[in-house]
Amino acid sequence: APAGAVLIARDVTVEHDAQQARDDLVASISHELRTPLTSILGYLDLA
C-alpha cells in the first residue's frame, strides 16, 4: 500500500560549472585547431 514518498535534493552547481568549463576549453581548442587545419588542407589540395 502507498506509504508516502521521499524527495532528494542535491547541489550540482560545481558539477555543472566544471562541465561547462571543460566544454568551453575543448570548444576553444577545437576552434583554434580547425582554422590552421583548414588552411593546411587547402594548400595540400592546391599542391
All heavy atoms as atom14 arrays in JSON, in Angstrom:
{
  "sequence": "APAGAVLIARDVTVEHDAQQARDDLVASISHELRTPLTSILGYLDLA",
  "atom14_mask": [
    [1, 1, 1, 1, 1, 0, 0, 0, 0, 0, 0, 0, 0, 0],
    [1, 1, 1, 1, 1, 1, 1, 0, 0, 0, 0, 0, 0, 0],
    [1, 1, 1, 1, 1, 0, 0, 0, 0, 0, 0, 0, 0, 0],
    [1, 1, 1, 1, 0, 0, 0, 0, 0, 0, 0, 0, 0, 0],
    [1, 1, 1, 1, 1, 0, 0, 0, 0, 0, 0, 0, 0, 0],
    [1, 1, 1, 1, 1, 1, 1, 0, 0, 0, 0, 0, 0, 0],
    [1, 1, 1, 1, 1, 1, 1, 1, 0, 0, 0, 0, 0, 0],
    [1, 1, 1, 1, 1, 1, 1, 1, 0, 0, 0, 0, 0, 0],
    [1, 1, 1, 1, 1, 0, 0, 0, 0, 0, 0, 0, 0, 0],
    [1, 1, 1, 1, 1, 1, 1, 1, 1, 1, 1, 0, 0, 0],
    [1, 1, 1, 1, 1, 1, 1, 1, 0, 0, 0, 0, 0, 0],
    [1, 1, 1, 1, 1, 1, 1, 0, 0, 0, 0, 0, 0, 0],
    [1, 1, 1, 1, 1, 1, 1, 0, 0, 0, 0, 0, 0, 0],
    [1, 1, 1, 1, 1, 1, 1, 0, 0, 0, 0, 0, 0, 0],
    [1, 1, 1, 1, 1, 1, 1, 1, 1, 0, 0, 0, 0, 0],
    [1, 1, 1, 1, 1, 1, 1, 1, 1, 1, 0, 0, 0, 0],
    [1, 1, 1, 1, 1, 1, 1, 1, 0, 0, 0, 0, 0, 0],
    [1, 1, 1, 1, 1, 0, 0, 0, 0, 0, 0, 0, 0, 0],
    [1, 1, 1, 1, 1, 1, 1, 1, 1, 0, 0, 0, 0, 0],
    [1, 1, 1, 1, 1, 1, 1, 1, 1, 0, 0, 0, 0, 0],
    [1, 1, 1, 1, 1, 0, 0, 0, 0, 0, 0, 0, 0, 0],
    [1, 1, 1, 1, 1, 1, 1, 1, 1, 1, 1, 0, 0, 0],
    [1, 1, 1, 1, 1, 1, 1, 1, 0, 0, 0, 0, 0, 0],
    [1, 1, 1, 1, 1, 1, 1, 1, 0, 0, 0, 0, 0, 0],
    [1, 1, 1, 1, 1, 1, 1, 1, 0, 0, 0, 0, 0, 0],
    [1, 1, 1, 1, 1, 1, 1, 0, 0, 0, 0, 0, 0, 0],
    [1, 1, 1, 1, 1, 0, 0, 0, 0, 0, 0, 0, 0, 0],
    [1, 1, 1, 1, 1, 1, 0, 0, 0, 0, 0, 0, 0, 0],
    [1, 1, 1, 1, 1, 1, 1, 1, 0, 0, 0, 0, 0, 0],
    [1, 1, 1, 1, 1, 1, 0, 0, 0, 0, 0, 0, 0, 0],
    [1, 1, 1, 1, 1, 1, 1, 1, 1, 1, 0, 0, 0, 0],
    [1, 1, 1, 1, 1, 1, 1, 1, 1, 0, 0, 0, 0, 0],
    [1, 1, 1, 1, 1, 1, 1, 1, 0, 0, 0, 0, 0, 0],
    [1, 1, 1, 1, 1, 1, 1, 1, 1, 1, 1, 0, 0, 0],
    [1, 1, 1, 1, 1, 1, 1, 0, 0, 0, 0, 0, 0, 0],
    [1, 1, 1, 1, 1, 1, 1, 0, 0, 0, 0, 0, 0, 0],
    [1, 1, 1, 1, 1, 1, 1, 1, 0, 0, 0, 0, 0, 0],
    [1, 1, 1, 1, 1, 1, 1, 0, 0, 0, 0, 0, 0, 0],
    [1, 1, 1, 1, 1, 1, 0, 0, 0, 0, 0, 0, 0, 0],
    [1, 1, 1, 1, 1, 1, 1, 1, 0, 0, 0, 0, 0, 0],
    [1, 1, 1, 1, 1, 1, 1, 1, 0, 0, 0, 0, 0, 0],
    [1, 1, 1, 1, 0, 0, 0, 0, 0, 0, 0, 0, 0, 0],
    [1, 1, 1, 1, 1, 1, 1, 1, 1, 1, 1, 1, 0, 0],
    [1, 1, 1, 1, 1, 1, 1, 1, 0, 0, 0, 0, 0, 0],
    [1, 1, 1, 1, 1, 1, 1, 1, 0, 0, 0, 0, 0, 0],
    [1, 1, 1, 1, 1, 1, 1, 1, 0, 0, 0, 0, 0, 0],
    [1, 1, 1, 1, 1, 0, 0, 0, 0, 0, 0, 0, 0, 0]
  ],
  "atom14_positions": [
    [[0.84, -1.2, 0.0], [0.0, 0.0, 0.0], [0.88, 1.25, 0.0], [2.02, 1.22, 0.48], [-0.91, 0.0, 1.23], [0.0, 0.0, 0.0], [0.0, 0.0, 0.0], [0.0, 0.0, 0.0], [0.0, 0.0, 0.0], [0.0, 0.0, 0.0], [0.0, 0.0, 0.0], [0.0, 0.0, 0.0], [0.0, 0.0, 0.0], [0.0, 0.0, 0.0]],
    [[0.39, 2.37, -0.55], [1.18, 3.62, -0.56], [1.58, 4.04, 0.85], [0.77, 3.98, 1.78], [0.23, 4.63, -1.2], [-0.72, 3.81, -2.0], [-0.91, 2.54, -1.23], [0.0, 0.0, 0.0], [0.0, 0.0, 0.0], [0.0, 0.0, 0.0], [0.0, 0.0, 0.0], [0.0, 0.0, 0.0], [0.0, 0.0, 0.0], [0.0, 0.0, 0.0]],
    [[2.86, 4.42, 1.0], [3.38, 4.82, 2.32], [4.1, 6.15, 2.23], [5.06, 6.38, 2.94], [4.3, 3.74, 2.86], [0.0, 0.0, 0.0], [0.0, 0.0, 0.0], [0.0, 0.0, 0.0], [0.0, 0.0, 0.0], [0.0, 0.0, 0.0], [0.0, 0.0, 0.0], [0.0, 0.0, 0.0], [0.0, 0.0, 0.0], [0.0, 0.0, 0.0]],
    [[3.64, 7.02, 1.34], [4.27, 8.33, 1.23], [5.33, 8.36, 0.15], [5.32, 7.55, -0.79], [0.0, 0.0, 0.0], [0.0, 0.0, 0.0], [0.0, 0.0, 0.0], [0.0, 0.0, 0.0], [0.0, 0.0, 0.0], [0.0, 0.0, 0.0], [0.0, 0.0, 0.0], [0.0, 0.0, 0.0], [0.0, 0.0, 0.0], [0.0, 0.0, 0.0]],
    [[6.24, 9.29, 0.27], [7.27, 9.47, -0.75], [8.48, 10.13, -0.12], [8.45, 10.59, 1.03], [6.73, 10.34, -1.9], [0.0, 0.0, 0.0], [0.0, 0.0, 0.0], [0.0, 0.0, 0.0], [0.0, 0.0, 0.0], [0.0, 0.0, 0.0], [0.0, 0.0, 0.0], [0.0, 0.0, 0.0], [0.0, 0.0, 0.0], [0.0, 0.0, 0.0]],
    [[9.58, 10.13, -0.87], [10.81, 10.79, -0.43], [11.34, 11.6, -1.61], [11.27, 11.18, -2.76], [11.86, 9.77, 0.06], [12.26, 8.83, -1.06], [13.07, 10.47, 0.63], [0.0, 0.0, 0.0], [0.0, 0.0, 0.0], [0.0, 0.0, 0.0], [0.0, 0.0, 0.0], [0.0, 0.0, 0.0], [0.0, 0.0, 0.0], [0.0, 0.0, 0.0]],
    [[11.84, 12.8, -1.3], [12.41, 13.7, -2.31], [13.84, 14.01, -1.91], [14.09, 14.44, -0.78], [11.59, 14.99, -2.41], [12.1, 16.03, -3.41], [12.01, 15.49, -4.83], [11.28, 17.32, -3.29], [0.0, 0.0, 0.0], [0.0, 0.0, 0.0], [0.0, 0.0, 0.0], [0.0, 0.0, 0.0], [0.0, 0.0, 0.0], [0.0, 0.0, 0.0]],
    [[14.77, 13.76, -2.82], [16.19, 14.02, -2.58], [16.6, 15.23, -3.41], [16.33, 15.29, -4.61], [17.05, 12.81, -2.97], [16.55, 11.53, -2.28], [18.51, 13.06, -2.62], [16.62, 11.57, -0.78], [0.0, 0.0, 0.0], [0.0, 0.0, 0.0], [0.0, 0.0, 0.0], [0.0, 0.0, 0.0], [0.0, 0.0, 0.0], [0.0, 0.0, 0.0]],
    [[17.24, 16.2, -2.76], [17.74, 17.4, -3.44], [19.25, 17.46, -3.28], [19.78, 17.32, -2.17], [17.09, 18.65, -2.86], [0.0, 0.0, 0.0], [0.0, 0.0, 0.0], [0.0, 0.0, 0.0], [0.0, 0.0, 0.0], [0.0, 0.0, 0.0], [0.0, 0.0, 0.0], [0.0, 0.0, 0.0], [0.0, 0.0, 0.0], [0.0, 0.0, 0.0]],
    [[19.94, 17.66, -4.41], [21.41, 17.67, -4.38], [21.92, 18.9, -5.11], [21.44, 19.23, -6.2], [21.95, 16.4, -5.03], [23.43, 16.18, -4.87], [23.8, 14.74, -5.24], [23.45, 14.43, -6.61], [24.28, 14.58, -7.65], [25.52, 15.04, -7.44], [23.9, 14.28, -8.86], [0.0, 0.0, 0.0], [0.0, 0.0, 0.0], [0.0, 0.0, 0.0]],
    [[22.9, 19.57, -4.53], [23.51, 20.74, -5.14], [24.54, 20.27, -6.16], [25.56, 19.68, -5.81], [24.16, 21.61, -4.07], [24.64, 22.94, -4.63], [24.75, 23.07, -5.86], [24.91, 23.86, -3.83], [0.0, 0.0, 0.0], [0.0, 0.0, 0.0], [0.0, 0.0, 0.0], [0.0, 0.0, 0.0], [0.0, 0.0, 0.0], [0.0, 0.0, 0.0]],
    [[24.26, 20.52, -7.44], [25.16, 20.08, -8.52], [25.77, 21.27, -9.24], [26.18, 21.16, -10.4], [24.41, 19.16, -9.52], [24.01, 17.86, -8.85], [23.18, 19.88, -10.09], [0.0, 0.0, 0.0], [0.0, 0.0, 0.0], [0.0, 0.0, 0.0], [0.0, 0.0, 0.0], [0.0, 0.0, 0.0], [0.0, 0.0, 0.0], [0.0, 0.0, 0.0]],
    [[25.82, 22.42, -8.56], [26.36, 23.62, -9.2], [27.82, 23.41, -9.62], [28.22, 23.77, -10.73], [26.25, 24.82, -8.25], [24.9, 24.93, -7.79], [26.66, 26.1, -8.93], [0.0, 0.0, 0.0], [0.0, 0.0, 0.0], [0.0, 0.0, 0.0], [0.0, 0.0, 0.0], [0.0, 0.0, 0.0], [0.0, 0.0, 0.0], [0.0, 0.0, 0.0]],
    [[28.63, 22.84, -8.71], [30.04, 22.63, -9.02], [30.2, 21.7, -10.21], [31.04, 21.93, -11.1], [30.77, 22.06, -7.78], [32.21, 21.73, -8.11], [30.71, 23.06, -6.62], [0.0, 0.0, 0.0], [0.0, 0.0, 0.0], [0.0, 0.0, 0.0], [0.0, 0.0, 0.0], [0.0, 0.0, 0.0], [0.0, 0.0, 0.0], [0.0, 0.0, 0.0]],
    [[29.4, 20.64, -10.27], [29.49, 19.71, -11.39], [29.14, 20.4, -12.7], [29.82, 20.22, -13.72], [28.56, 18.52, -11.15], [28.9, 17.71, -9.9], [27.89, 16.62, -9.64], [27.2, 16.23, -10.6], [27.78, 16.17, -8.49], [0.0, 0.0, 0.0], [0.0, 0.0, 0.0], [0.0, 0.0, 0.0], [0.0, 0.0, 0.0], [0.0, 0.0, 0.0]],
    [[28.07, 21.19, -12.7], [27.67, 21.87, -13.92], [28.71, 22.91, -14.34], [29.01, 23.04, -15.53], [26.31, 22.54, -13.72], [25.16, 21.62, -13.94], [24.46, 21.57, -15.13], [24.6, 20.68, -13.14], [23.51, 20.66, -15.04], [23.57, 20.1, -13.84], [0.0, 0.0, 0.0], [0.0, 0.0, 0.0], [0.0, 0.0, 0.0], [0.0, 0.0, 0.0]],
    [[29.26, 23.63, -13.36], [30.29, 24.61, -13.71], [31.54, 23.92, -14.26], [32.17, 24.42, -15.21], [30.65, 25.43, -12.47], [29.52, 26.38, -12.07], [28.61, 26.58, -12.89], [29.55, 26.89, -10.93], [0.0, 0.0, 0.0], [0.0, 0.0, 0.0], [0.0, 0.0, 0.0], [0.0, 0.0, 0.0], [0.0, 0.0, 0.0], [0.0, 0.0, 0.0]],
    [[31.91, 22.77, -13.67], [33.07, 22.04, -14.18], [32.81, 21.52, -15.59], [33.7, 21.56, -16.46], [33.41, 20.89, -13.24], [0.0, 0.0, 0.0], [0.0, 0.0, 0.0], [0.0, 0.0, 0.0], [0.0, 0.0, 0.0], [0.0, 0.0, 0.0], [0.0, 0.0, 0.0], [0.0, 0.0, 0.0], [0.0, 0.0, 0.0], [0.0, 0.0, 0.0]],
    [[31.59, 21.02, -15.83], [31.25, 20.54, -17.16], [31.3, 21.68, -18.18], [31.83, 21.53, -19.29], [29.84, 19.93, -17.15], [29.35, 19.43, -18.5], [30.06, 18.17, -18.93], [30.46, 17.37, -18.1], [30.24, 18.01, -20.23], [0.0, 0.0, 0.0], [0.0, 0.0, 0.0], [0.0, 0.0, 0.0], [0.0, 0.0, 0.0], [0.0, 0.0, 0.0]],
    [[30.8, 22.84, -17.77], [30.83, 23.99, -18.68], [32.27, 24.42, -18.96], [32.62, 24.72, -20.12], [30.05, 25.16, -18.07], [30.06, 26.4, -18.93], [29.37, 27.58, -18.26], [28.87, 27.44, -17.15], [29.35, 28.71, -18.93], [0.0, 0.0, 0.0], [0.0, 0.0, 0.0], [0.0, 0.0, 0.0], [0.0, 0.0, 0.0], [0.0, 0.0, 0.0]],
    [[33.09, 24.44, -17.91], [34.48, 24.84, -18.11], [35.2, 23.88, -19.05], [35.97, 24.3, -19.93], [35.2, 24.91, -16.76], [0.0, 0.0, 0.0], [0.0, 0.0, 0.0], [0.0, 0.0, 0.0], [0.0, 0.0, 0.0], [0.0, 0.0, 0.0], [0.0, 0.0, 0.0], [0.0, 0.0, 0.0], [0.0, 0.0, 0.0], [0.0, 0.0, 0.0]],
    [[34.94, 22.57, -18.88], [35.58, 21.59, -19.76], [35.11, 21.76, -21.2], [35.91, 21.74, -22.15], [35.29, 20.17, -19.28], [36.09, 19.12, -20.02], [35.62, 17.72, -19.69], [34.32, 17.45, -20.3], [33.73, 16.25, -20.27], [34.31, 15.25, -19.62], [32.56, 16.06, -20.84], [0.0, 0.0, 0.0], [0.0, 0.0, 0.0], [0.0, 0.0, 0.0]],
    [[33.78, 21.93, -21.36], [33.26, 22.1, -22.71], [33.81, 23.36, -23.37], [34.14, 23.37, -24.56], [31.73, 22.15, -22.67], [31.12, 20.81, -22.3], [31.85, 19.8, -22.36], [29.93, 20.77, -21.94], [0.0, 0.0, 0.0], [0.0, 0.0, 0.0], [0.0, 0.0, 0.0], [0.0, 0.0, 0.0], [0.0, 0.0, 0.0], [0.0, 0.0, 0.0]],
    [[33.88, 24.44, -22.58], [34.4, 25.69, -23.14], [35.86, 25.53, -23.56], [36.28, 26.04, -24.6], [34.26, 26.82, -22.12], [32.82, 27.2, -21.87], [31.96, 26.82, -22.7], [32.54, 27.86, -20.85], [0.0, 0.0, 0.0], [0.0, 0.0, 0.0], [0.0, 0.0, 0.0], [0.0, 0.0, 0.0], [0.0, 0.0, 0.0], [0.0, 0.0, 0.0]],
    [[36.65, 24.81, -22.73], [38.05, 24.61, -23.05], [38.21, 23.78, -24.31], [38.97, 24.12, -25.22], [38.76, 23.94, -21.88], [40.24, 23.57, -22.1], [41.07, 24.83, -22.36], [40.78, 22.8, -20.91], [0.0, 0.0, 0.0], [0.0, 0.0, 0.0], [0.0, 0.0, 0.0], [0.0, 0.0, 0.0], [0.0, 0.0, 0.0], [0.0, 0.0, 0.0]],
    [[37.46, 22.66, -24.37], [37.56, 21.79, -25.55], [37.09, 22.52, -26.8], [37.71, 22.43, -27.87], [36.74, 20.51, -25.33], [36.69, 19.67, -26.6], [37.32, 19.7, -24.19], [0.0, 0.0, 0.0], [0.0, 0.0, 0.0], [0.0, 0.0, 0.0], [0.0, 0.0, 0.0], [0.0, 0.0, 0.0], [0.0, 0.0, 0.0], [0.0, 0.0, 0.0]],
    [[35.99, 23.28, -26.67], [35.49, 24.02, -27.83], [36.49, 25.06, -28.29], [36.7, 25.26, -29.5], [34.16, 24.67, -27.48], [0.0, 0.0, 0.0], [0.0, 0.0, 0.0], [0.0, 0.0, 0.0], [0.0, 0.0, 0.0], [0.0, 0.0, 0.0], [0.0, 0.0, 0.0], [0.0, 0.0, 0.0], [0.0, 0.0, 0.0], [0.0, 0.0, 0.0]],
    [[37.13, 25.74, -27.32], [38.11, 26.76, -27.68], [39.29, 26.15, -28.42], [39.74, 26.65, -29.46], [38.58, 27.48, -26.42], [39.59, 28.41, -26.72], [0.0, 0.0, 0.0], [0.0, 0.0, 0.0], [0.0, 0.0, 0.0], [0.0, 0.0, 0.0], [0.0, 0.0, 0.0], [0.0, 0.0, 0.0], [0.0, 0.0, 0.0], [0.0, 0.0, 0.0]],
    [[39.8, 25.04, -27.87], [40.94, 24.37, -28.52], [40.54, 23.87, -29.9], [41.29, 23.99, -30.88], [41.45, 23.23, -27.64], [42.03, 23.78, -26.32], [42.49, 22.41, -28.37], [42.44, 22.71, -25.35], [0.0, 0.0, 0.0], [0.0, 0.0, 0.0], [0.0, 0.0, 0.0], [0.0, 0.0, 0.0], [0.0, 0.0, 0.0], [0.0, 0.0, 0.0]],
    [[39.33, 23.3, -30.0], [38.89, 22.77, -31.28], [38.77, 23.86, -32.33], [39.17, 23.69, -33.49], [37.54, 22.04, -31.11], [37.66, 20.98, -30.2], [0.0, 0.0, 0.0], [0.0, 0.0, 0.0], [0.0, 0.0, 0.0], [0.0, 0.0, 0.0], [0.0, 0.0, 0.0], [0.0, 0.0, 0.0], [0.0, 0.0, 0.0], [0.0, 0.0, 0.0]],
    [[38.22, 25.02, -31.91], [38.13, 26.14, -32.85], [39.51, 26.59, -33.3], [39.72, 26.9, -34.49], [37.38, 27.3, -32.19], [35.89, 27.17, -32.27], [35.21, 27.18, -33.46], [34.95, 27.01, -31.29], [33.91, 27.04, -33.23], [33.73, 26.94, -31.92], [0.0, 0.0, 0.0], [0.0, 0.0, 0.0], [0.0, 0.0, 0.0], [0.0, 0.0, 0.0]],
    [[40.44, 26.63, -32.37], [41.79, 27.08, -32.72], [42.47, 26.08, -33.66], [43.3, 26.47, -34.5], [42.62, 27.23, -31.45], [42.15, 28.35, -30.53], [42.21, 29.72, -31.19], [43.12, 29.94, -32.01], [41.34, 30.56, -30.9], [0.0, 0.0, 0.0], [0.0, 0.0, 0.0], [0.0, 0.0, 0.0], [0.0, 0.0, 0.0], [0.0, 0.0, 0.0]],
    [[42.14, 24.8, -33.56], [42.75, 23.81, -34.43], [42.12, 23.77, -35.81], [42.78, 23.46, -36.81], [42.65, 22.42, -33.79], [43.53, 22.16, -32.56], [43.2, 20.8, -31.97], [45.01, 22.22, -32.93], [0.0, 0.0, 0.0], [0.0, 0.0, 0.0], [0.0, 0.0, 0.0], [0.0, 0.0, 0.0], [0.0, 0.0, 0.0], [0.0, 0.0, 0.0]],
    [[40.82, 24.06, -35.9], [40.13, 23.95, -37.19], [40.69, 24.93, -38.22], [40.84, 24.59, -39.4], [38.63, 24.2, -37.01], [37.89, 23.06, -36.35], [36.42, 23.3, -36.33], [35.83, 23.13, -37.65], [34.53, 23.29, -37.9], [33.71, 23.63, -36.91], [34.05, 23.09, -39.1], [0.0, 0.0, 0.0], [0.0, 0.0, 0.0], [0.0, 0.0, 0.0]],
    [[41.0, 26.15, -37.77], [41.46, 27.17, -38.73], [42.76, 26.76, -39.42], [42.83, 26.75, -40.67], [41.6, 28.52, -38.03], [40.33, 28.9, -37.48], [42.06, 29.59, -39.01], [0.0, 0.0, 0.0], [0.0, 0.0, 0.0], [0.0, 0.0, 0.0], [0.0, 0.0, 0.0], [0.0, 0.0, 0.0], [0.0, 0.0, 0.0], [0.0, 0.0, 0.0]],
    [[43.83, 26.42, -38.65], [45.06, 26.02, -39.36], [44.9, 24.72, -40.14], [45.52, 24.54, -41.2], [46.08, 25.87, -38.24], [45.29, 25.68, -37.0], [44.03, 26.45, -37.21], [0.0, 0.0, 0.0], [0.0, 0.0, 0.0], [0.0, 0.0, 0.0], [0.0, 0.0, 0.0], [0.0, 0.0, 0.0], [0.0, 0.0, 0.0], [0.0, 0.0, 0.0]],
    [[44.07, 23.78, -39.65], [43.87, 22.54, -40.39], [43.19, 22.8, -41.72], [43.52, 22.19, -42.74], [43.05, 21.55, -39.55], [43.81, 20.77, -38.48], [42.84, 19.97, -37.63], [44.84, 19.85, -39.12], [0.0, 0.0, 0.0], [0.0, 0.0, 0.0], [0.0, 0.0, 0.0], [0.0, 0.0, 0.0], [0.0, 0.0, 0.0], [0.0, 0.0, 0.0]],
    [[42.2, 23.69, -41.7], [41.53, 24.02, -42.95], [42.5, 24.64, -43.94], [42.49, 24.33, -45.15], [40.36, 24.99, -42.67], [39.47, 24.39, -41.73], [39.6, 25.3, -43.95], [0.0, 0.0, 0.0], [0.0, 0.0, 0.0], [0.0, 0.0, 0.0], [0.0, 0.0, 0.0], [0.0, 0.0, 0.0], [0.0, 0.0, 0.0], [0.0, 0.0, 0.0]],
    [[43.38, 25.5, -43.4], [44.39, 26.12, -44.28], [45.35, 25.07, -44.83], [45.7, 25.07, -46.02], [45.16, 27.19, -43.5], [46.17, 27.77, -44.3], [0.0, 0.0, 0.0], [0.0, 0.0, 0.0], [0.0, 0.0, 0.0], [0.0, 0.0, 0.0], [0.0, 0.0, 0.0], [0.0, 0.0, 0.0], [0.0, 0.0, 0.0], [0.0, 0.0, 0.0]],
    [[45.79, 24.15, -44.0], [46.71, 23.08, -44.44], [46.06, 22.25, -45.53], [46.68, 21.93, -46.57], [47.12, 22.21, -43.25], [48.01, 23.02, -42.28], [47.84, 20.95, -43.71], [48.3, 22.29, -40.99], [0.0, 0.0, 0.0], [0.0, 0.0, 0.0], [0.0, 0.0, 0.0], [0.0, 0.0, 0.0], [0.0, 0.0, 0.0], [0.0, 0.0, 0.0]],
    [[44.79, 21.88, -45.33], [44.1, 21.08, -46.33], [43.98, 21.83, -47.65], [44.11, 21.25, -48.74], [42.7, 20.7, -45.81], [42.66, 19.58, -44.77], [41.26, 19.47, -44.16], [43.05, 18.25, -45.41], [0.0, 0.0, 0.0], [0.0, 0.0, 0.0], [0.0, 0.0, 0.0], [0.0, 0.0, 0.0], [0.0, 0.0, 0.0], [0.0, 0.0, 0.0]],
    [[43.74, 23.13, -47.54], [43.62, 23.93, -48.77], [44.92, 23.93, -49.56], [44.93, 23.71, -50.78], [0.0, 0.0, 0.0], [0.0, 0.0, 0.0], [0.0, 0.0, 0.0], [0.0, 0.0, 0.0], [0.0, 0.0, 0.0], [0.0, 0.0, 0.0], [0.0, 0.0, 0.0], [0.0, 0.0, 0.0], [0.0, 0.0, 0.0], [0.0, 0.0, 0.0]],
    [[46.04, 24.16, -48.88], [47.33, 24.19, -49.58], [47.72, 22.81, -50.11], [48.31, 22.67, -51.2], [48.41, 24.74, -48.66], [48.38, 26.25, -48.57], [47.89, 26.89, -47.45], [48.85, 27.05, -49.63], [47.85, 28.27, -47.36], [48.81, 28.43, -49.55], [48.31, 29.05, -48.41], [48.28, 30.42, -48.33], [0.0, 0.0, 0.0], [0.0, 0.0, 0.0]],
    [[47.41, 21.76, -49.33], [47.7, 20.41, -49.82], [46.87, 20.08, -51.04], [47.36, 19.43, -51.98], [47.44, 19.39, -48.7], [48.41, 19.41, -47.52], [47.94, 18.44, -46.45], [49.83, 19.05, -47.98], [0.0, 0.0, 0.0], [0.0, 0.0, 0.0], [0.0, 0.0, 0.0], [0.0, 0.0, 0.0], [0.0, 0.0, 0.0], [0.0, 0.0, 0.0]],
    [[45.64, 20.53, -51.05], [44.78, 20.28, -52.2], [45.31, 21.01, -53.43], [45.33, 20.46, -54.55], [43.36, 20.73, -51.88], [42.38, 20.33, -52.96], [42.39, 19.15, -53.37], [41.61, 21.2, -53.42], [0.0, 0.0, 0.0], [0.0, 0.0, 0.0], [0.0, 0.0, 0.0], [0.0, 0.0, 0.0], [0.0, 0.0, 0.0], [0.0, 0.0, 0.0]],
    [[45.79, 22.26, -53.22], [46.38, 23.0, -54.34], [47.63, 22.3, -54.86], [47.88, 22.25, -56.07], [46.71, 24.43, -53.9], [45.51, 25.37, -53.66], [45.98, 26.7, -53.1], [44.71, 25.57, -54.95], [0.0, 0.0, 0.0], [0.0, 0.0, 0.0], [0.0, 0.0, 0.0], [0.0, 0.0, 0.0], [0.0, 0.0, 0.0], [0.0, 0.0, 0.0]],
    [[48.42, 21.77, -53.93], [49.65, 21.08, -54.34], [49.34, 19.84, -55.15], [50.04, 19.51, -56.12], [50.48, 20.73, -53.11], [0.0, 0.0, 0.0], [0.0, 0.0, 0.0], [0.0, 0.0, 0.0], [0.0, 0.0, 0.0], [0.0, 0.0, 0.0], [0.0, 0.0, 0.0], [0.0, 0.0, 0.0], [0.0, 0.0, 0.0], [0.0, 0.0, 0.0]]
  ]
}
